[in-house]
């Protein structure tokens, strides 16, 4: 029995696509699906019930609370965690599950970037970013990953962090993870440079948050020029990648500096009072 946990916050508009895709065929493995509607103000829970899956409604608490509630309500393995706005089929999960064995503890689909509405700079950045080893071999950023029972035993509850998929990725060695080329996860990338920087700033903050908890995060530094060595065509995309990365890092440094200054001012104020 393949178990599926779907955290969903106000996803009534897109959730039916995923649940329809997960409807098994006559010869397909049955799926045990749990949708956790967390802090929803729309019809997410009602939409999920129409698909005759297990639905749990919880108050505000974020994705991490939803993941932990979904885990508590699930028992089968392998177990897949799927974002509500991603589309994977029951057959896709079967293919990925077939790659799990005593050596491979975690799987994820190949990453397909939908850049149809993106600017030239954004597309150039993502061509380089998508070639980084730390991206190509990672579970993170795909909206879907699955683990074995022994793989899930690597951690207790999901910690209260933004980068939950990056946290899971760091629980496994590189040779314990398989990215399954036969299955793809379509991820829409930002249209504008401003939207890209905002997304990457969130990702950067998530990695810093993980690092503060003692969980090492994958770094791109060592792989920047390795991409060009393995594929010289990517040299034309390197300036866009370095520019966006520099903007994100500088924004993060300035944000931390301002927070530190604010905290110091508050301490001074309290001391004066």
Foldseek 3Di string as FASTA:
>chain_A
DEEEAEEDEQLLPQQVQALVQAPDDPPFDDYQYEYEHEQHPDCPQVSVVVSVHHYHYYYHDDDLVSQQVSVVVDDDPFYKYAYSNWHDHSVRVVVQRVPDDPQAFKEAEFEDEDQPQADPLQVLQCVLVCLFPLNRQARFPQRMMTGGPVLVVLDDGQDPFDRSRQLSRLSDDSRNYYHDHVGYIYDYADRYLVRNLVVVLSVVVRQVVCVVVVRHGDDRVVRNCVSCVVPVVSVVSSVSNVVSVVVSVVVVVVVVVVVVVVVVVVVVVVVVD
